[in-house]
Amino acid sequence: MKKFIINLLVFLGAYLAVAYPLQWVVDTGLKKSDFSNEYKEWDDITKSRINADILIQGSSKARLQISPAEFEQAFNQSAYNLGMDGQHFRVQKWRFDVYLKYNKKPKYIIQVIALHELLHDELDYNYTQFIPYLNEGFIQRFGGHGFLNDLDFYVPLYKYCHVTGMIEAGATNFFRKHDNRHYKYKGFRPSAKHWTDDELIAFKQSYPHGMNIVIDHTAYLDFIDLVKRCKKENIDLILVCPPTPFVLQNLILNRDSVMGVYKNIANKFKLKYLDYSRDTICSDTAMFYNYDHLNTRGVAVFNKQLINDLKGEIR
């Protein structure tokens, strides 16, 4: 028994001596790879490369639809888009927390709000982006990481077992530099696609009688926490509801109730609130590429209007 324990300890010592350095190599390489299209932005955050005056936050409705370059040109201040494809507000807030850990606080936050922002979060979509950043701590506290377990946090190399090719991608990219040709400009890349009915038809088939949005209480409290933190830190928080096609809005049965939550928050805390969900652009599907996102043509129109409306707010 004593010999077995000694052999086990020797094996574990040898494993850890190899596994921890290898995990560092793989994590470092992944952050420079295209294995997830979010790595460039995470790397910019954790390497303190952003330090923006104007920070744009939200889901893909931010990432695809608000141009930091247009804001920089209009207001002569640095801007960056932290929009995250497929992630609701709680994950967006975590990203902001990590951002503040490594970067100066912004003067302004443009928080893109939408019907689905305050839904219950599960970190199942595009979760490979989080793998090299588990040490930032949030995911352990999040409680909605169904793809992870304790072994991922405490056993080196185990976290790569969920997706084939992660170790290879990390190791092969360890010695290369970022290739920005495949990334967005400061987190932003619009879509030049044209409108099709396919996704809308699929949505109608999933919800033939319309859909009710259920606001998650924890997400709501996190949103209030962001509002209070911005007030405390003298960050000007601006809530923006972007255009959404009327054909989708009409399928959300409690739309007015959900948007009323944001309006009440804006009124209570005296926040700038801009709602473009009833704008004429919402009736023109040529401005969108699917039922939830503007295309490049729509982005140009929307950004021009948004910047004009913020000229008295952003100084």
C-alpha atoms as a PDB file:
ATOM      1  CA  MET A   1       0.000   0.000   0.000  1.00  0.00           C
ATOM      2  CA  LYS A   2       2.814   2.388   0.903  1.00  0.00           C
ATOM      3  CA  LYS A   3       4.553   1.647  -2.394  1.00  0.00           C
ATOM      4  CA  PHE A   4       1.292   2.250  -4.268  1.00  0.00           C
ATOM      5  CA  ILE A   5       0.831   5.656  -2.604  1.00  0.00           C
ATOM      6  CA  ILE A   6       4.426   6.632  -3.372  1.00  0.00           C
ATOM      7  CA  ASN A   7       4.023   5.575  -7.010  1.00  0.00           C
ATOM      8  CA  LEU A   8       0.743   7.484  -7.222  1.00  0.00           C
ATOM      9  CA  LEU A   9       2.315  10.627  -5.818  1.00  0.00           C
ATOM     10  CA  VAL A  10       5.248  10.329  -8.216  1.00  0.00           C
ATOM     11  CA  PHE A  11       2.841   9.881 -11.126  1.00  0.00           C
ATOM     12  CA  LEU A  12       0.712  12.851 -10.060  1.00  0.00           C
ATOM     13  CA  GLY A  13       3.800  14.997  -9.560  1.00  0.00           C
ATOM     14  CA  ALA A  14       5.105  14.109 -13.000  1.00  0.00           C
ATOM     15  CA  TYR A  15       1.695  14.700 -14.579  1.00  0.00           C
ATOM     16  CA  LEU A  16       1.256  18.121 -12.974  1.00  0.00           C
ATOM     17  CA  ALA A  17       4.828  19.120 -13.854  1.00  0.00           C
ATOM     18  CA  VAL A  18       3.995  18.535 -17.520  1.00  0.00           C
ATOM     19  CA  ALA A  19       0.270  19.386 -17.572  1.00  0.00           C
ATOM     20  CA  TYR A  20       0.371  22.901 -16.112  1.00  0.00           C
ATOM     21  CA  PRO A  21       3.039  24.237 -18.518  1.00  0.00           C
ATOM     22  CA  LEU A  22       1.284  22.528 -21.433  1.00  0.00           C
ATOM     23  CA  GLN A  23      -2.041  24.062 -20.424  1.00  0.00           C
ATOM     24  CA  TRP A  24      -0.402  27.489 -20.343  1.00  0.00           C
ATOM     25  CA  VAL A  25       0.980  26.888 -23.845  1.00  0.00           C
ATOM     26  CA  VAL A  26      -2.404  25.741 -25.178  1.00  0.00           C
ATOM     27  CA  ASP A  27      -4.315  28.625 -23.552  1.00  0.00           C
ATOM     28  CA  THR A  28      -1.800  31.134 -24.912  1.00  0.00           C
ATOM     29  CA  GLY A  29      -2.021  29.648 -28.393  1.00  0.00           C
ATOM     30  CA  LEU A  30      -5.823  29.476 -28.365  1.00  0.00           C
ATOM     31  CA  LYS A  31      -6.037  33.173 -27.534  1.00  0.00           C
ATOM     32  CA  LYS A  32      -4.168  33.882 -30.770  1.00  0.00           C
ATOM     33  CA  SER A  33      -6.131  31.390 -32.855  1.00  0.00           C
ATOM     34  CA  ASP A  34      -9.357  31.409 -34.865  1.00  0.00           C
ATOM     35  CA  PHE A  35     -10.775  28.477 -32.900  1.00  0.00           C
ATOM     36  CA  SER A  36     -13.350  30.922 -31.510  1.00  0.00           C
ATOM     37  CA  ASN A  37     -14.198  34.215 -33.193  1.00  0.00           C
ATOM     38  CA  GLU A  38     -14.274  35.868 -29.756  1.00  0.00           C
ATOM     39  CA  TYR A  39     -10.622  35.234 -28.776  1.00  0.00           C
ATOM     40  CA  LYS A  40      -9.278  38.475 -30.271  1.00  0.00           C
ATOM     41  CA  GLU A  41     -11.622  40.602 -28.152  1.00  0.00           C
ATOM     42  CA  TRP A  42     -10.914  38.605 -24.983  1.00  0.00           C
ATOM     43  CA  ASP A  43      -7.194  38.961 -25.627  1.00  0.00           C
ATOM     44  CA  ASP A  44      -7.560  42.713 -26.130  1.00  0.00           C
ATOM     45  CA  ILE A  45      -9.420  42.912 -22.812  1.00  0.00           C
ATOM     46  CA  THR A  46      -6.999  40.884 -20.722  1.00  0.00           C
ATOM     47  CA  LYS A  47      -3.912  42.484 -22.304  1.00  0.00           C
ATOM     48  CA  SER A  48      -5.221  45.981 -21.417  1.00  0.00           C
ATOM     49  CA  ARG A  49      -5.287  47.033 -25.074  1.00  0.00           C
ATOM     50  CA  ILE A  50      -8.693  48.737 -25.121  1.00  0.00           C
ATOM     51  CA  ASN A  51      -9.110  51.547 -22.552  1.00  0.00           C
ATOM     52  CA  ALA A  52     -11.956  53.010 -24.589  1.00  0.00           C
ATOM     53  CA  ASP A  53     -13.833  56.218 -23.822  1.00  0.00           C
ATOM     54  CA  ILE A  54     -16.987  54.781 -25.393  1.00  0.00           C
ATOM     55  CA  LEU A  55     -17.816  51.136 -24.723  1.00  0.00           C
ATOM     56  CA  ILE A  56     -20.553  49.356 -26.687  1.00  0.00           C
ATOM     57  CA  GLN A  57     -22.116  46.337 -24.974  1.00  0.00           C
ATOM     58  CA  GLY A  58     -24.792  43.817 -25.786  1.00  0.00           C
ATOM     59  CA  SER A  59     -25.390  40.652 -27.750  1.00  0.00           C
ATOM     60  CA  SER A  60     -24.982  40.249 -31.510  1.00  0.00           C
ATOM     61  CA  LYS A  61     -27.440  43.150 -31.829  1.00  0.00           C
ATOM     62  CA  ALA A  62     -24.554  45.293 -30.589  1.00  0.00           C
ATOM     63  CA  ARG A  63     -21.682  43.447 -32.254  1.00  0.00           C
ATOM     64  CA  LEU A  64     -23.264  43.514 -35.730  1.00  0.00           C
ATOM     65  CA  GLN A  65     -24.988  46.870 -35.612  1.00  0.00           C
ATOM     66  CA  ILE A  66     -22.959  49.626 -33.890  1.00  0.00           C
ATOM     67  CA  SER A  67     -19.704  50.768 -35.452  1.00  0.00           C
ATOM     68  CA  PRO A  68     -16.944  52.004 -33.107  1.00  0.00           C
ATOM     69  CA  ALA A  69     -15.233  53.607 -36.100  1.00  0.00           C
ATOM     70  CA  GLU A  70     -18.280  55.784 -36.771  1.00  0.00           C
ATOM     71  CA  PHE A  71     -18.394  56.831 -33.112  1.00  0.00           C
ATOM     72  CA  GLU A  72     -14.688  57.621 -33.068  1.00  0.00           C
ATOM     73  CA  GLN A  73     -15.039  59.818 -36.134  1.00  0.00           C
ATOM     74  CA  ALA A  74     -18.165  61.573 -34.850  1.00  0.00           C
ATOM     75  CA  PHE A  75     -17.035  62.236 -31.284  1.00  0.00           C
ATOM     76  CA  ASN A  76     -13.224  62.168 -31.524  1.00  0.00           C
ATOM     77  CA  GLN A  77     -13.053  59.642 -28.679  1.00  0.00           C
ATOM     78  CA  SER A  78     -11.855  56.034 -28.647  1.00  0.00           C
ATOM     79  CA  ALA A  79     -14.558  53.370 -28.915  1.00  0.00           C
ATOM     80  CA  TYR A  80     -14.758  49.590 -28.775  1.00  0.00           C
ATOM     81  CA  ASN A  81     -17.567  47.091 -29.340  1.00  0.00           C
ATOM     82  CA  LEU A  82     -17.790  44.300 -26.731  1.00  0.00           C
ATOM     83  CA  GLY A  83     -20.939  42.758 -28.236  1.00  0.00           C
ATOM     84  CA  MET A  84     -21.132  38.973 -27.828  1.00  0.00           C
ATOM     85  CA  ASP A  85     -22.902  36.663 -30.249  1.00  0.00           C
ATOM     86  CA  GLY A  86     -25.663  34.659 -28.594  1.00  0.00           C
ATOM     87  CA  GLN A  87     -24.970  35.796 -25.011  1.00  0.00           C
ATOM     88  CA  HIS A  88     -27.505  37.420 -22.716  1.00  0.00           C
ATOM     89  CA  PHE A  89     -26.913  40.174 -20.200  1.00  0.00           C
ATOM     90  CA  ARG A  90     -25.342  38.246 -17.331  1.00  0.00           C
ATOM     91  CA  VAL A  91     -22.447  37.143 -19.518  1.00  0.00           C
ATOM     92  CA  GLN A  92     -22.175  40.631 -20.984  1.00  0.00           C
ATOM     93  CA  LYS A  93     -21.862  42.021 -17.456  1.00  0.00           C
ATOM     94  CA  TRP A  94     -19.155  39.484 -16.606  1.00  0.00           C
ATOM     95  CA  ARG A  95     -17.217  40.600 -19.654  1.00  0.00           C
ATOM     96  CA  PHE A  96     -17.498  44.189 -18.427  1.00  0.00           C
ATOM     97  CA  ASP A  97     -16.251  43.143 -14.974  1.00  0.00           C
ATOM     98  CA  VAL A  98     -13.232  41.477 -16.573  1.00  0.00           C
ATOM     99  CA  TYR A  99     -12.754  44.544 -18.767  1.00  0.00           C
ATOM    100  CA  LEU A 100     -12.532  46.844 -15.732  1.00  0.00           C
ATOM    101  CA  LYS A 101      -9.990  44.526 -14.149  1.00  0.00           C
ATOM    102  CA  TYR A 102      -7.523  45.230 -16.962  1.00  0.00           C
ATOM    103  CA  ASN A 103      -8.620  48.545 -18.536  1.00  0.00           C
ATOM    104  CA  LYS A 104      -9.533  52.036 -17.433  1.00  0.00           C
ATOM    105  CA  LYS A 105     -13.208  52.734 -16.921  1.00  0.00           C
ATOM    106  CA  PRO A 106     -15.051  54.212 -19.923  1.00  0.00           C
ATOM    107  CA  LYS A 107     -16.715  57.598 -19.938  1.00  0.00           C
ATOM    108  CA  TYR A 108     -19.767  56.189 -21.704  1.00  0.00           C
ATOM    109  CA  ILE A 109     -21.412  52.795 -22.050  1.00  0.00           C
ATOM    110  CA  ILE A 110     -23.894  52.218 -24.833  1.00  0.00           C
ATOM    111  CA  GLN A 111     -25.809  49.211 -23.565  1.00  0.00           C
ATOM    112  CA  VAL A 112     -27.835  47.618 -26.330  1.00  0.00           C
ATOM    113  CA  ILE A 113     -31.060  46.207 -24.943  1.00  0.00           C
ATOM    114  CA  ALA A 114     -33.496  43.837 -26.581  1.00  0.00           C
ATOM    115  CA  LEU A 115     -36.320  41.495 -25.741  1.00  0.00           C
ATOM    116  CA  HIS A 116     -34.024  38.548 -24.978  1.00  0.00           C
ATOM    117  CA  GLU A 117     -31.290  40.299 -22.948  1.00  0.00           C
ATOM    118  CA  LEU A 118     -32.711  39.393 -19.525  1.00  0.00           C
ATOM    119  CA  LEU A 119     -33.389  35.734 -20.226  1.00  0.00           C
ATOM    120  CA  HIS A 120     -31.872  32.969 -18.108  1.00  0.00           C
ATOM    121  CA  ASP A 121     -28.340  32.255 -19.298  1.00  0.00           C
ATOM    122  CA  GLU A 122     -26.758  28.915 -20.107  1.00  0.00           C
ATOM    123  CA  LEU A 123     -23.182  29.019 -21.361  1.00  0.00           C
ATOM    124  CA  ASP A 124     -23.750  26.506 -24.121  1.00  0.00           C
ATOM    125  CA  TYR A 125     -23.478  28.700 -27.222  1.00  0.00           C
ATOM    126  CA  ASN A 126     -19.944  29.374 -28.535  1.00  0.00           C
ATOM    127  CA  TYR A 127     -18.601  28.225 -25.165  1.00  0.00           C
ATOM    128  CA  THR A 128     -15.104  27.520 -26.503  1.00  0.00           C
ATOM    129  CA  GLN A 129     -14.407  31.245 -26.095  1.00  0.00           C
ATOM    130  CA  PHE A 130     -14.445  30.815 -22.312  1.00  0.00           C
ATOM    131  CA  ILE A 131     -12.076  27.836 -22.067  1.00  0.00           C
ATOM    132  CA  PRO A 132      -8.767  29.786 -21.922  1.00  0.00           C
ATOM    133  CA  TYR A 133     -10.300  32.230 -19.417  1.00  0.00           C
ATOM    134  CA  LEU A 134     -11.696  29.960 -16.713  1.00  0.00           C
ATOM    135  CA  ASN A 135      -9.272  31.498 -14.229  1.00  0.00           C
ATOM    136  CA  GLU A 136     -11.172  34.793 -14.394  1.00  0.00           C
ATOM    137  CA  GLY A 137     -13.541  33.269 -11.863  1.00  0.00           C
ATOM    138  CA  PHE A 138     -16.980  34.248 -13.091  1.00  0.00           C
ATOM    139  CA  ILE A 139     -17.926  30.932 -14.649  1.00  0.00           C
ATOM    140  CA  GLN A 140     -17.374  29.129 -11.357  1.00  0.00           C
ATOM    141  CA  ARG A 141     -19.906  31.454  -9.714  1.00  0.00           C
ATOM    142  CA  PHE A 142     -22.265  31.600 -12.659  1.00  0.00           C
ATOM    143  CA  GLY A 143     -24.192  28.384 -12.042  1.00  0.00           C
ATOM    144  CA  GLY A 144     -25.251  28.039 -15.675  1.00  0.00           C
ATOM    145  CA  HIS A 145     -22.260  26.318 -17.235  1.00  0.00           C
ATOM    146  CA  GLY A 146     -23.750  22.982 -18.197  1.00  0.00           C
ATOM    147  CA  PHE A 147     -20.787  22.005 -20.361  1.00  0.00           C
ATOM    148  CA  LEU A 148     -18.306  22.259 -17.453  1.00  0.00           C
ATOM    149  CA  ASN A 149     -17.733  20.449 -14.176  1.00  0.00           C
ATOM    150  CA  ASP A 150     -15.257  20.746 -11.302  1.00  0.00           C
ATOM    151  CA  LEU A 151     -12.627  18.737 -13.158  1.00  0.00           C
ATOM    152  CA  ASP A 152     -12.410  21.477 -15.793  1.00  0.00           C
ATOM    153  CA  PHE A 153     -11.357  24.016 -13.181  1.00  0.00           C
ATOM    154  CA  TYR A 154      -8.995  21.917 -11.069  1.00  0.00           C
ATOM    155  CA  VAL A 155      -7.483  19.226 -13.305  1.00  0.00           C
ATOM    156  CA  PRO A 156      -5.063  20.705 -15.859  1.00  0.00           C
ATOM    157  CA  LEU A 157      -5.808  19.875 -19.518  1.00  0.00           C
ATOM    158  CA  TYR A 158      -9.182  18.311 -18.698  1.00  0.00           C
ATOM    159  CA  LYS A 159     -11.117  21.377 -19.904  1.00  0.00           C
ATOM    160  CA  TYR A 160     -10.070  20.693 -23.496  1.00  0.00           C
ATOM    161  CA  CYS A 161     -11.875  17.352 -23.651  1.00  0.00           C
ATOM    162  CA  HIS A 162     -15.202  18.928 -24.640  1.00  0.00           C
ATOM    163  CA  VAL A 163     -14.128  19.881 -28.155  1.00  0.00           C
ATOM    164  CA  THR A 164     -11.879  17.951 -30.501  1.00  0.00           C
ATOM    165  CA  GLY A 165      -8.863  19.867 -31.743  1.00  0.00           C
ATOM    166  CA  MET A 166      -8.446  22.447 -28.985  1.00  0.00           C
ATOM    167  CA  ILE A 167      -5.042  21.237 -27.808  1.00  0.00           C
ATOM    168  CA  GLU A 168      -3.761  21.008 -31.369  1.00  0.00           C
ATOM    169  CA  ALA A 169      -5.067  24.510 -32.201  1.00  0.00           C
ATOM    170  CA  GLY A 170      -3.502  25.982 -29.087  1.00  0.00           C
ATOM    171  CA  ALA A 171      -0.139  24.283 -29.544  1.00  0.00           C
ATOM    172  CA  THR A 172       0.163  25.141 -33.246  1.00  0.00           C
ATOM    173  CA  ASN A 173      -0.738  28.800 -32.700  1.00  0.00           C
ATOM    174  CA  PHE A 174       1.528  29.353 -29.699  1.00  0.00           C
ATOM    175  CA  PHE A 175       4.354  30.915 -31.735  1.00  0.00           C
ATOM    176  CA  ARG A 176       2.250  32.955 -34.163  1.00  0.00           C
ATOM    177  CA  LYS A 177       0.968  36.503 -33.957  1.00  0.00           C
ATOM    178  CA  HIS A 178      -2.669  37.514 -34.280  1.00  0.00           C
ATOM    179  CA  ASP A 179      -3.861  37.603 -37.865  1.00  0.00           C
ATOM    180  CA  ASN A 180      -6.346  40.444 -37.756  1.00  0.00           C
ATOM    181  CA  ARG A 181      -7.604  39.802 -41.283  1.00  0.00           C
ATOM    182  CA  HIS A 182     -10.138  37.356 -39.885  1.00  0.00           C
ATOM    183  CA  TYR A 183     -11.325  39.527 -37.025  1.00  0.00           C
ATOM    184  CA  LYS A 184     -13.636  42.475 -36.581  1.00  0.00           C
ATOM    185  CA  TYR A 185     -12.655  46.121 -36.234  1.00  0.00           C
ATOM    186  CA  LYS A 186     -12.608  46.697 -32.470  1.00  0.00           C
ATOM    187  CA  GLY A 187     -15.193  43.960 -32.019  1.00  0.00           C
ATOM    188  CA  PHE A 188     -17.455  45.081 -34.873  1.00  0.00           C
ATOM    189  CA  ARG A 189     -18.239  43.392 -38.152  1.00  0.00           C
ATOM    190  CA  PRO A 190     -21.564  43.950 -39.937  1.00  0.00           C
ATOM    191  CA  SER A 191     -23.171  41.481 -42.295  1.00  0.00           C
ATOM    192  CA  ALA A 192     -23.682  42.210 -45.990  1.00  0.00           C
ATOM    193  CA  LYS A 193     -26.289  39.462 -46.343  1.00  0.00           C
ATOM    194  CA  HIS A 194     -29.729  40.178 -47.771  1.00  0.00           C
ATOM    195  CA  TRP A 195     -33.087  39.400 -46.210  1.00  0.00           C
ATOM    196  CA  THR A 196     -34.474  35.895 -46.392  1.00  0.00           C
ATOM    197  CA  ASP A 197     -37.605  34.506 -44.756  1.00  0.00           C
ATOM    198  CA  ASP A 198     -35.996  31.222 -43.700  1.00  0.00           C
ATOM    199  CA  GLU A 199     -35.214  32.079 -40.062  1.00  0.00           C
ATOM    200  CA  LEU A 200     -38.515  33.887 -39.585  1.00  0.00           C
ATOM    201  CA  ILE A 201     -40.413  30.867 -40.933  1.00  0.00           C
ATOM    202  CA  ALA A 202     -38.493  28.607 -38.538  1.00  0.00           C
ATOM    203  CA  PHE A 203     -39.328  30.939 -35.635  1.00  0.00           C
ATOM    204  CA  LYS A 204     -43.025  30.880 -36.521  1.00  0.00           C
ATOM    205  CA  GLN A 205     -42.949  27.105 -36.691  1.00  0.00           C
ATOM    206  CA  SER A 206     -41.376  26.945 -33.207  1.00  0.00           C
ATOM    207  CA  TYR A 207     -43.894  29.451 -31.788  1.00  0.00           C
ATOM    208  CA  PRO A 208     -47.030  29.161 -33.940  1.00  0.00           C
ATOM    209  CA  HIS A 209     -49.123  31.056 -31.360  1.00  0.00           C
ATOM    210  CA  GLY A 210     -46.492  33.657 -30.540  1.00  0.00           C
ATOM    211  CA  MET A 211     -43.834  33.769 -27.833  1.00  0.00           C
ATOM    212  CA  ASN A 212     -43.815  35.087 -24.277  1.00  0.00           C
ATOM    213  CA  ILE A 213     -40.516  36.401 -22.874  1.00  0.00           C
ATOM    214  CA  VAL A 214     -39.738  35.369 -19.281  1.00  0.00           C
ATOM    215  CA  ILE A 215     -37.390  37.761 -17.496  1.00  0.00           C
ATOM    216  CA  ASP A 216     -34.884  36.045 -15.221  1.00  0.00           C
ATOM    217  CA  HIS A 217     -34.833  37.697 -11.787  1.00  0.00           C
ATOM    218  CA  THR A 218     -31.082  37.219 -11.337  1.00  0.00           C
ATOM    219  CA  ALA A 219     -30.402  38.806 -14.723  1.00  0.00           C
ATOM    220  CA  TYR A 220     -32.635  41.733 -13.753  1.00  0.00           C
ATOM    221  CA  LEU A 221     -30.722  42.234 -10.500  1.00  0.00           C
ATOM    222  CA  ASP A 222     -27.428  42.095 -12.400  1.00  0.00           C
ATOM    223  CA  PHE A 223     -28.742  44.777 -14.743  1.00  0.00           C
ATOM    224  CA  ILE A 224     -29.643  46.985 -11.789  1.00  0.00           C
ATOM    225  CA  ASP A 225     -26.189  46.313 -10.367  1.00  0.00           C
ATOM    226  CA  LEU A 226     -24.587  47.606 -13.575  1.00  0.00           C
ATOM    227  CA  VAL A 227     -26.765  50.721 -13.453  1.00  0.00           C
ATOM    228  CA  LYS A 228     -25.768  51.442  -9.852  1.00  0.00           C
ATOM    229  CA  ARG A 229     -22.112  50.775 -10.539  1.00  0.00           C
ATOM    230  CA  CYS A 230     -22.134  53.222 -13.440  1.00  0.00           C
ATOM    231  CA  LYS A 231     -23.755  55.841 -11.228  1.00  0.00           C
ATOM    232  CA  LYS A 232     -21.130  55.279  -8.552  1.00  0.00           C
ATOM    233  CA  GLU A 233     -18.233  55.391 -11.037  1.00  0.00           C
ATOM    234  CA  ASN A 234     -19.637  58.412 -12.934  1.00  0.00           C
ATOM    235  CA  ILE A 235     -19.989  56.392 -16.138  1.00  0.00           C
ATOM    236  CA  ASP A 236     -22.717  57.699 -18.417  1.00  0.00           C
ATOM    237  CA  LEU A 237     -24.890  54.644 -19.177  1.00  0.00           C
ATOM    238  CA  ILE A 238     -27.028  54.954 -22.304  1.00  0.00           C
ATOM    239  CA  LEU A 239     -29.709  52.365 -23.100  1.00  0.00           C
ATOM    240  CA  VAL A 240     -30.346  51.744 -26.791  1.00  0.00           C
ATOM    241  CA  CYS A 241     -33.028  49.494 -28.228  1.00  0.00           C
ATOM    242  CA  PRO A 242     -32.058  48.937 -31.896  1.00  0.00           C
ATOM    243  CA  PRO A 243     -34.470  48.467 -34.802  1.00  0.00           C
ATOM    244  CA  THR A 244     -36.197  45.100 -35.042  1.00  0.00           C
ATOM    245  CA  PRO A 245     -38.520  44.096 -37.904  1.00  0.00           C
ATOM    246  CA  PHE A 246     -42.191  44.521 -37.097  1.00  0.00           C
ATOM    247  CA  VAL A 247     -42.797  41.001 -38.430  1.00  0.00           C
ATOM    248  CA  LEU A 248     -40.882  39.676 -35.403  1.00  0.00           C
ATOM    249  CA  GLN A 249     -42.174  42.178 -32.853  1.00  0.00           C
ATOM    250  CA  ASN A 250     -45.732  41.141 -33.645  1.00  0.00           C
ATOM    251  CA  LEU A 251     -44.893  37.571 -32.608  1.00  0.00           C
ATOM    252  CA  ILE A 252     -43.757  38.561 -29.084  1.00  0.00           C
ATOM    253  CA  LEU A 253     -46.961  38.505 -27.045  1.00  0.00           C
ATOM    254  CA  ASN A 254     -45.654  40.453 -24.033  1.00  0.00           C
ATOM    255  CA  ARG A 255     -43.320  42.781 -25.895  1.00  0.00           C
ATOM    256  CA  ASP A 256     -44.665  45.979 -24.321  1.00  0.00           C
ATOM    257  CA  SER A 257     -44.321  44.526 -20.839  1.00  0.00           C
ATOM    258  CA  VAL A 258     -40.687  43.522 -21.390  1.00  0.00           C
ATOM    259  CA  MET A 259     -39.710  46.866 -22.885  1.00  0.00           C
ATOM    260  CA  GLY A 260     -41.559  48.560 -20.043  1.00  0.00           C
ATOM    261  CA  VAL A 261     -39.011  47.055 -17.637  1.00  0.00           C
ATOM    262  CA  TYR A 262     -36.199  48.944 -19.376  1.00  0.00           C
ATOM    263  CA  LYS A 263     -38.239  52.139 -19.536  1.00  0.00           C
ATOM    264  CA  ASN A 264     -38.944  51.966 -15.808  1.00  0.00           C
ATOM    265  CA  ILE A 265     -35.240  51.453 -15.059  1.00  0.00           C
ATOM    266  CA  ALA A 266     -34.326  54.406 -17.281  1.00  0.00           C
ATOM    267  CA  ASN A 267     -36.907  56.642 -15.592  1.00  0.00           C
ATOM    268  CA  LYS A 268     -35.984  55.568 -12.064  1.00  0.00           C
ATOM    269  CA  PHE A 269     -32.244  56.104 -12.525  1.00  0.00           C
ATOM    270  CA  LYS A 270     -32.529  59.011 -15.004  1.00  0.00           C
ATOM    271  CA  LEU A 271     -30.753  57.225 -17.859  1.00  0.00           C
ATOM    272  CA  LYS A 272     -30.728  58.217 -21.501  1.00  0.00           C
ATOM    273  CA  TYR A 273     -33.090  55.802 -23.268  1.00  0.00           C
ATOM    274  CA  LEU A 274     -33.302  55.565 -27.055  1.00  0.00           C
ATOM    275  CA  ASP A 275     -35.860  53.193 -28.576  1.00  0.00           C
ATOM    276  CA  TYR A 276     -35.679  52.586 -32.332  1.00  0.00           C
ATOM    277  CA  SER A 277     -37.965  49.575 -32.299  1.00  0.00           C
ATOM    278  CA  ARG A 278     -40.846  51.664 -33.663  1.00  0.00           C
ATOM    279  CA  ASP A 279     -38.787  53.513 -36.253  1.00  0.00           C
ATOM    280  CA  THR A 280     -39.805  53.362 -39.915  1.00  0.00           C
ATOM    281  CA  ILE A 281     -36.711  51.248 -40.643  1.00  0.00           C
ATOM    282  CA  CYS A 282     -38.460  48.377 -38.848  1.00  0.00           C
ATOM    283  CA  SER A 283     -40.972  48.072 -41.676  1.00  0.00           C
ATOM    284  CA  ASP A 284     -38.319  47.718 -44.390  1.00  0.00           C
ATOM    285  CA  THR A 285     -36.928  44.179 -44.533  1.00  0.00           C
ATOM    286  CA  ALA A 286     -34.344  45.349 -47.081  1.00  0.00           C
ATOM    287  CA  MET A 287     -32.524  46.874 -44.084  1.00  0.00           C
ATOM    288  CA  PHE A 288     -32.194  43.474 -42.386  1.00  0.00           C
ATOM    289  CA  TYR A 289     -30.622  40.135 -43.223  1.00  0.00           C
ATOM    290  CA  ASN A 290     -32.781  38.141 -40.802  1.00  0.00           C
ATOM    291  CA  TYR A 291     -35.602  38.748 -38.347  1.00  0.00           C
ATOM    292  CA  ASP A 292     -33.278  40.105 -35.661  1.00  0.00           C
ATOM    293  CA  HIS A 293     -30.287  41.857 -37.296  1.00  0.00           C
ATOM    294  CA  LEU A 294     -29.604  44.758 -39.621  1.00  0.00           C
ATOM    295  CA  ASN A 295     -27.418  44.291 -42.690  1.00  0.00           C
ATOM    296  CA  THR A 296     -24.728  46.771 -43.757  1.00  0.00           C
ATOM    297  CA  ARG A 297     -27.299  49.010 -45.431  1.00  0.00           C
ATOM    298  CA  GLY A 298     -29.447  49.132 -42.313  1.00  0.00           C
ATOM    299  CA  VAL A 299     -26.402  49.601 -40.065  1.00  0.00           C
ATOM    300  CA  ALA A 300     -25.359  52.699 -42.006  1.00  0.00           C
ATOM    301  CA  VAL A 301     -28.817  54.253 -41.603  1.00  0.00           C
ATOM    302  CA  PHE A 302     -29.153  53.283 -37.948  1.00  0.00           C
ATOM    303  CA  ASN A 303     -25.675  54.464 -36.921  1.00  0.00           C
ATOM    304  CA  LYS A 304     -26.165  57.836 -38.580  1.00  0.00           C
ATOM    305  CA  GLN A 305     -29.426  58.340 -36.677  1.00  0.00           C
ATOM    306  CA  LEU A 306     -28.011  57.043 -33.376  1.00  0.00           C
ATOM    307  CA  ILE A 307     -24.937  59.293 -33.542  1.00  0.00           C
ATOM    308  CA  ASN A 308     -27.097  62.288 -34.359  1.00  0.00           C
ATOM    309  CA  ASP A 309     -29.357  61.556 -31.376  1.00  0.00           C
ATOM    310  CA  LEU A 310     -26.341  61.277 -29.048  1.00  0.00           C
ATOM    311  CA  LYS A 311     -24.638  64.541 -30.033  1.00  0.00           C
ATOM    312  CA  GLY A 312     -26.030  66.274 -26.987  1.00  0.00           C
ATOM    313  CA  GLU A 313     -25.170  63.345 -24.699  1.00  0.00           C
ATOM    314  CA  ILE A 314     -21.599  62.426 -25.684  1.00  0.00           C
ATOM    315  CA  ARG A 315     -19.376  65.459 -25.327  1.00  0.00           C
END
